[in-house]
Amino acid sequence: MATKFPEAEARLFKNIFVDKKTKRKIRANPLKVQAGKIKGRGKGGSNKLRPKKKK
């Protein structure tokens, strides 16, 4: 990825998780995600989230 300055990195990747089932992005606190308090959006949303990958 071409962006290397910290403001862009924070905007694109900080606190962003992807629902493994619906592939939707969610911005949430990592502690809440780890505790299982955050659900994915939509009808098929799940508690299984992963951090957004840096390509």
C-alpha atoms as a PDB file:
ATOM      1  CA  MET A   1       0.000   0.000   0.000  1.00  0.00           C
ATOM      2  CA  ALA A   2       1.374   3.409  -0.975  1.00  0.00           C
ATOM      3  CA  THR A   3       0.218   5.360   2.101  1.00  0.00           C
ATOM      4  CA  LYS A   4       2.891   5.386   4.759  1.00  0.00           C
ATOM      5  CA  PHE A   5       2.014   8.403   6.873  1.00  0.00           C
ATOM      6  CA  PRO A   6       0.430   7.677  10.274  1.00  0.00           C
ATOM      7  CA  GLU A   7      -2.814   9.613   9.760  1.00  0.00           C
ATOM      8  CA  ALA A   8      -3.769   7.513   6.744  1.00  0.00           C
ATOM      9  CA  GLU A   9      -2.737   4.250   8.442  1.00  0.00           C
ATOM     10  CA  ALA A  10      -4.907   5.085  11.453  1.00  0.00           C
ATOM     11  CA  ARG A  11      -7.901   6.004   9.302  1.00  0.00           C
ATOM     12  CA  LEU A  12      -7.692   2.852   7.183  1.00  0.00           C
ATOM     13  CA  PHE A  13      -6.759   0.194   9.733  1.00  0.00           C
ATOM     14  CA  LYS A  14      -7.138   1.333  13.355  1.00  0.00           C
ATOM     15  CA  ASN A  15     -10.087  -0.320  15.153  1.00  0.00           C
ATOM     16  CA  ILE A  16     -11.500  -1.732  11.901  1.00  0.00           C
ATOM     17  CA  PHE A  17     -12.658  -5.342  11.854  1.00  0.00           C
ATOM     18  CA  VAL A  18     -14.222  -7.496   9.145  1.00  0.00           C
ATOM     19  CA  ASP A  19     -17.096  -9.903   9.762  1.00  0.00           C
ATOM     20  CA  LYS A  20     -15.907 -13.333   8.626  1.00  0.00           C
ATOM     21  CA  LYS A  21     -19.394 -14.332   7.488  1.00  0.00           C
ATOM     22  CA  THR A  22     -20.753 -11.250   5.713  1.00  0.00           C
ATOM     23  CA  LYS A  23     -17.373  -9.565   4.907  1.00  0.00           C
ATOM     24  CA  ARG A  24     -18.646  -6.200   6.176  1.00  0.00           C
ATOM     25  CA  LYS A  25     -16.336  -3.708   7.876  1.00  0.00           C
ATOM     26  CA  ILE A  26     -17.030  -2.501  11.403  1.00  0.00           C
ATOM     27  CA  ARG A  27     -15.158   0.124  13.431  1.00  0.00           C
ATOM     28  CA  ALA A  28     -15.109  -0.982  17.079  1.00  0.00           C
ATOM     29  CA  ASN A  29     -13.017  -1.091  20.213  1.00  0.00           C
ATOM     30  CA  PRO A  30     -10.676  -4.145  20.109  1.00  0.00           C
ATOM     31  CA  LEU A  31     -11.414  -5.029  23.743  1.00  0.00           C
ATOM     32  CA  LYS A  32     -15.141  -5.231  23.027  1.00  0.00           C
ATOM     33  CA  VAL A  33     -14.491  -7.351  19.934  1.00  0.00           C
ATOM     34  CA  GLN A  34     -12.311  -9.727  21.935  1.00  0.00           C
ATOM     35  CA  ALA A  35     -14.987  -9.998  24.630  1.00  0.00           C
ATOM     36  CA  GLY A  36     -17.602 -10.930  22.005  1.00  0.00           C
ATOM     37  CA  LYS A  37     -19.806  -7.887  22.601  1.00  0.00           C
ATOM     38  CA  ILE A  38     -19.709  -6.715  18.970  1.00  0.00           C
ATOM     39  CA  LYS A  39     -21.855  -8.394  16.298  1.00  0.00           C
ATOM     40  CA  GLY A  40     -21.687  -8.093  12.547  1.00  0.00           C
ATOM     41  CA  ARG A  41     -24.240  -6.019  10.692  1.00  0.00           C
ATOM     42  CA  GLY A  42     -27.183  -7.383   8.775  1.00  0.00           C
ATOM     43  CA  LYS A  43     -29.262 -10.508   8.891  1.00  0.00           C
ATOM     44  CA  GLY A  44     -26.340 -12.945   8.844  1.00  0.00           C
ATOM     45  CA  GLY A  45     -24.037 -11.053  11.200  1.00  0.00           C
ATOM     46  CA  SER A  46     -21.833 -13.052  13.540  1.00  0.00           C
ATOM     47  CA  ASN A  47     -19.477 -12.482  16.471  1.00  0.00           C
ATOM     48  CA  LYS A  48     -16.540 -13.819  14.457  1.00  0.00           C
ATOM     49  CA  LEU A  49     -14.492 -10.784  13.453  1.00  0.00           C
ATOM     50  CA  ARG A  50     -10.942 -10.368  12.227  1.00  0.00           C
ATOM     51  CA  PRO A  51      -8.750  -7.261  11.890  1.00  0.00           C
ATOM     52  CA  LYS A  52      -8.637  -5.679   8.454  1.00  0.00           C
ATOM     53  CA  LYS A  53      -5.648  -6.939   6.466  1.00  0.00           C
ATOM     54  CA  LYS A  54      -2.944  -4.604   5.221  1.00  0.00           C
ATOM     55  CA  LYS A  55      -2.294  -5.552   1.597  1.00  0.00           C
END
